[in-house]
Amino acid sequence: MYEISEKRKYKRIEKPYLARLRIKPDEVQDMLPTDWDMVAVNDLGAGGVFFNSSNNLEVGTILDLKIGFSKSTPDIKCDGVVTRVIKYPDTFIFGIGTAFSKIDEHIKEMINRVAEVNYKISAASALSLAS
């Protein structure tokens, strides 16, 4: 677990959040917006989000995202591009990794601060268990 997080540019918050997403309308091809789907986020970082979905999205698909980060703050509204799709064996579920392509810099900093605090708490808990 720690090797993966050390290779990442941003720390991740491994806490469930609800998110709404839809394929971003394509203005070039006059594509109409799709309906919003609701998914549970597996982890969230300042660079992107990973969630499970019953939709097999293609790598490169651009999404509108609304992530329920906190009850005391409005949803995070941003765009993301699908960078990874994992098909889970014997299910109709796909793991979807997205990188934020358009997100307010202040929101990105807030996510990163929360992830840093969670990372320190998790590391301290792991150390106390090891001793």
C-alpha atoms as a PDB file:
ATOM      1  CA  MET A   1       0.000   0.000   0.000  1.00  0.00           C
ATOM      2  CA  TYR A   2       2.716   2.494   0.884  1.00  0.00           C
ATOM      3  CA  GLU A   3       4.745   1.814  -2.275  1.00  0.00           C
ATOM      4  CA  ILE A   4       1.801   2.814  -4.469  1.00  0.00           C
ATOM      5  CA  SER A   5       1.050   5.988  -2.509  1.00  0.00           C
ATOM      6  CA  GLU A   6       4.725   7.015  -2.640  1.00  0.00           C
ATOM      7  CA  LYS A   7       4.706   6.835  -6.458  1.00  0.00           C
ATOM      8  CA  ARG A   8       1.667   9.098  -6.721  1.00  0.00           C
ATOM      9  CA  LYS A   9       1.969  12.822  -7.168  1.00  0.00           C
ATOM     10  CA  TYR A  10      -0.769  13.460  -4.550  1.00  0.00           C
ATOM     11  CA  LYS A  11      -1.831  11.645  -1.391  1.00  0.00           C
ATOM     12  CA  ARG A  12      -5.225   9.952  -1.551  1.00  0.00           C
ATOM     13  CA  ILE A  13      -8.216  10.101   0.783  1.00  0.00           C
ATOM     14  CA  GLU A  14      -9.429   6.521   1.125  1.00  0.00           C
ATOM     15  CA  LYS A  15     -12.869   7.363   2.429  1.00  0.00           C
ATOM     16  CA  PRO A  16     -16.196   6.824   0.677  1.00  0.00           C
ATOM     17  CA  TYR A  17     -17.801   9.865  -0.920  1.00  0.00           C
ATOM     18  CA  LEU A  18     -20.838  10.074  -3.160  1.00  0.00           C
ATOM     19  CA  ALA A  19     -20.361  11.522  -6.605  1.00  0.00           C
ATOM     20  CA  ARG A  20     -22.560  12.256  -9.575  1.00  0.00           C
ATOM     21  CA  LEU A  21     -21.149  11.989 -13.044  1.00  0.00           C
ATOM     22  CA  ARG A  22     -22.132  12.134 -16.655  1.00  0.00           C
ATOM     23  CA  ILE A  23     -20.327  12.033 -19.956  1.00  0.00           C
ATOM     24  CA  LYS A  24     -19.541  15.630 -20.813  1.00  0.00           C
ATOM     25  CA  PRO A  25     -21.557  16.867 -23.777  1.00  0.00           C
ATOM     26  CA  ASP A  26     -19.443  17.215 -26.909  1.00  0.00           C
ATOM     27  CA  GLU A  27     -19.990  20.663 -28.393  1.00  0.00           C
ATOM     28  CA  VAL A  28     -18.136  19.728 -31.580  1.00  0.00           C
ATOM     29  CA  GLN A  29     -20.438  16.804 -32.396  1.00  0.00           C
ATOM     30  CA  ASP A  30     -23.556  18.445 -30.881  1.00  0.00           C
ATOM     31  CA  MET A  31     -23.824  15.577 -28.406  1.00  0.00           C
ATOM     32  CA  LEU A  32     -26.620  15.971 -25.881  1.00  0.00           C
ATOM     33  CA  PRO A  33     -25.795  15.589 -22.190  1.00  0.00           C
ATOM     34  CA  THR A  34     -26.361  12.152 -20.702  1.00  0.00           C
ATOM     35  CA  ASP A  35     -28.236  11.549 -17.458  1.00  0.00           C
ATOM     36  CA  TRP A  36     -26.354  11.869 -14.182  1.00  0.00           C
ATOM     37  CA  ASP A  37     -25.228   8.594 -12.555  1.00  0.00           C
ATOM     38  CA  MET A  38     -24.456   8.280  -8.863  1.00  0.00           C
ATOM     39  CA  VAL A  39     -21.391   6.323  -7.740  1.00  0.00           C
ATOM     40  CA  ALA A  40     -19.451   5.732  -4.539  1.00  0.00           C
ATOM     41  CA  VAL A  41     -15.924   7.116  -4.701  1.00  0.00           C
ATOM     42  CA  ASN A  42     -13.254   4.687  -3.443  1.00  0.00           C
ATOM     43  CA  ASP A  43     -10.512   7.252  -3.135  1.00  0.00           C
ATOM     44  CA  LEU A  44      -9.961  10.880  -3.934  1.00  0.00           C
ATOM     45  CA  GLY A  45      -6.845  12.977  -4.406  1.00  0.00           C
ATOM     46  CA  ALA A  46      -6.020  16.422  -5.706  1.00  0.00           C
ATOM     47  CA  GLY A  47      -5.196  14.847  -9.072  1.00  0.00           C
ATOM     48  CA  GLY A  48      -8.232  12.641  -9.574  1.00  0.00           C
ATOM     49  CA  VAL A  49     -10.720  10.126  -8.296  1.00  0.00           C
ATOM     50  CA  PHE A  50     -11.298   6.352  -8.466  1.00  0.00           C
ATOM     51  CA  PHE A  51     -14.788   4.837  -8.351  1.00  0.00           C
ATOM     52  CA  ASN A  52     -16.707   1.710  -9.294  1.00  0.00           C
ATOM     53  CA  SER A  53     -19.396   1.831 -11.953  1.00  0.00           C
ATOM     54  CA  SER A  54     -21.651  -0.510 -13.875  1.00  0.00           C
ATOM     55  CA  ASN A  55     -20.842   1.569 -16.983  1.00  0.00           C
ATOM     56  CA  ASN A  56     -17.850   0.525 -19.044  1.00  0.00           C
ATOM     57  CA  LEU A  57     -16.419   3.953 -19.839  1.00  0.00           C
ATOM     58  CA  GLU A  58     -13.661   4.228 -22.418  1.00  0.00           C
ATOM     59  CA  VAL A  59     -10.230   5.634 -21.622  1.00  0.00           C
ATOM     60  CA  GLY A  60     -10.226   9.247 -22.795  1.00  0.00           C
ATOM     61  CA  THR A  61     -13.908   9.858 -22.000  1.00  0.00           C
ATOM     62  CA  ILE A  62     -14.414  13.306 -20.479  1.00  0.00           C
ATOM     63  CA  LEU A  63     -16.781  13.454 -17.499  1.00  0.00           C
ATOM     64  CA  ASP A  64     -18.671  16.148 -15.638  1.00  0.00           C
ATOM     65  CA  LEU A  65     -18.184  15.361 -11.949  1.00  0.00           C
ATOM     66  CA  LYS A  66     -19.960  16.566  -8.807  1.00  0.00           C
ATOM     67  CA  ILE A  67     -18.330  15.104  -5.708  1.00  0.00           C
ATOM     68  CA  GLY A  68     -19.978  15.362  -2.285  1.00  0.00           C
ATOM     69  CA  PHE A  69     -16.814  16.112  -0.332  1.00  0.00           C
ATOM     70  CA  SER A  70     -18.313  17.478   2.877  1.00  0.00           C
ATOM     71  CA  LYS A  71     -21.735  18.207   4.329  1.00  0.00           C
ATOM     72  CA  SER A  72     -20.557  21.703   5.222  1.00  0.00           C
ATOM     73  CA  THR A  73     -19.277  22.630   1.740  1.00  0.00           C
ATOM     74  CA  PRO A  74     -20.888  22.623  -1.705  1.00  0.00           C
ATOM     75  CA  ASP A  75     -20.199  19.738  -4.079  1.00  0.00           C
ATOM     76  CA  ILE A  76     -16.870  19.800  -5.888  1.00  0.00           C
ATOM     77  CA  LYS A  77     -17.662  20.505  -9.539  1.00  0.00           C
ATOM     78  CA  CYS A  78     -14.961  19.598 -12.025  1.00  0.00           C
ATOM     79  CA  ASP A  79     -14.132  17.762 -15.238  1.00  0.00           C
ATOM     80  CA  GLY A  80     -12.189  14.540 -15.358  1.00  0.00           C
ATOM     81  CA  VAL A  81     -10.797  12.332 -18.069  1.00  0.00           C
ATOM     82  CA  VAL A  82     -10.949   8.532 -17.743  1.00  0.00           C
ATOM     83  CA  THR A  83      -7.366   7.271 -17.531  1.00  0.00           C
ATOM     84  CA  ARG A  84      -7.878   3.664 -16.431  1.00  0.00           C
ATOM     85  CA  VAL A  85     -10.633   1.048 -16.553  1.00  0.00           C
ATOM     86  CA  ILE A  86     -10.468  -2.226 -14.634  1.00  0.00           C
ATOM     87  CA  LYS A  87     -13.005  -4.992 -15.333  1.00  0.00           C
ATOM     88  CA  TYR A  88     -13.651  -6.991 -12.176  1.00  0.00           C
ATOM     89  CA  PRO A  89     -13.896 -10.728 -12.946  1.00  0.00           C
ATOM     90  CA  ASP A  90     -17.310 -12.402 -12.774  1.00  0.00           C
ATOM     91  CA  THR A  91     -19.137  -9.084 -12.263  1.00  0.00           C
ATOM     92  CA  PHE A  92     -20.611  -6.261 -14.273  1.00  0.00           C
ATOM     93  CA  ILE A  93     -18.588  -3.725 -12.289  1.00  0.00           C
ATOM     94  CA  PHE A  94     -15.713  -1.603 -13.601  1.00  0.00           C
ATOM     95  CA  GLY A  95     -13.121   0.317 -11.605  1.00  0.00           C
ATOM     96  CA  ILE A  96     -12.713   3.738 -13.197  1.00  0.00           C
ATOM     97  CA  GLY A  97      -9.700   5.978 -12.624  1.00  0.00           C
ATOM     98  CA  THR A  98     -10.048   9.603 -13.674  1.00  0.00           C
ATOM     99  CA  ALA A  99      -7.619  12.507 -13.696  1.00  0.00           C
ATOM    100  CA  PHE A 100      -9.004  15.970 -13.098  1.00  0.00           C
ATOM    101  CA  SER A 101      -8.708  18.004 -16.286  1.00  0.00           C
ATOM    102  CA  LYS A 102     -10.520  21.109 -15.071  1.00  0.00           C
ATOM    103  CA  ILE A 103     -10.737  21.889 -11.347  1.00  0.00           C
ATOM    104  CA  ASP A 104     -10.487  25.078  -9.328  1.00  0.00           C
ATOM    105  CA  GLU A 105      -6.983  25.419  -7.867  1.00  0.00           C
ATOM    106  CA  HIS A 106      -8.385  26.259  -4.396  1.00  0.00           C
ATOM    107  CA  ILE A 107     -10.445  23.043  -4.407  1.00  0.00           C
ATOM    108  CA  LYS A 108      -7.383  21.062  -5.458  1.00  0.00           C
ATOM    109  CA  GLU A 109      -5.401  22.563  -2.554  1.00  0.00           C
ATOM    110  CA  MET A 110      -8.224  21.788  -0.097  1.00  0.00           C
ATOM    111  CA  ILE A 111      -8.361  18.137  -1.200  1.00  0.00           C
ATOM    112  CA  ASN A 112      -4.591  17.893  -0.881  1.00  0.00           C
ATOM    113  CA  ARG A 113      -4.613  19.375   2.660  1.00  0.00           C
ATOM    114  CA  VAL A 114      -7.285  16.895   3.802  1.00  0.00           C
ATOM    115  CA  ALA A 115      -5.387  14.012   2.166  1.00  0.00           C
ATOM    116  CA  GLU A 116      -2.144  15.050   3.917  1.00  0.00           C
ATOM    117  CA  VAL A 117      -3.893  15.090   7.318  1.00  0.00           C
ATOM    118  CA  ASN A 118      -5.518  11.686   6.662  1.00  0.00           C
ATOM    119  CA  TYR A 119      -2.173  10.271   5.494  1.00  0.00           C
ATOM    120  CA  LYS A 120      -0.427  11.428   8.686  1.00  0.00           C
ATOM    121  CA  ILE A 121      -3.197   9.973  10.862  1.00  0.00           C
ATOM    122  CA  SER A 122      -3.039   6.640   8.965  1.00  0.00           C
ATOM    123  CA  ALA A 123       0.766   6.515   9.218  1.00  0.00           C
ATOM    124  CA  ALA A 124       0.657   7.283  12.955  1.00  0.00           C
ATOM    125  CA  SER A 125      -1.963   4.541  13.474  1.00  0.00           C
ATOM    126  CA  ALA A 126       0.156   2.045  11.555  1.00  0.00           C
ATOM    127  CA  LEU A 127       3.207   2.919  13.638  1.00  0.00           C
ATOM    128  CA  SER A 128       1.305   2.535  16.914  1.00  0.00           C
ATOM    129  CA  LEU A 129       0.039  -0.883  15.808  1.00  0.00           C
ATOM    130  CA  ALA A 130       3.558  -1.970  14.871  1.00  0.00           C
ATOM    131  CA  SER A 131       4.987  -1.116  18.304  1.00  0.00           C
END
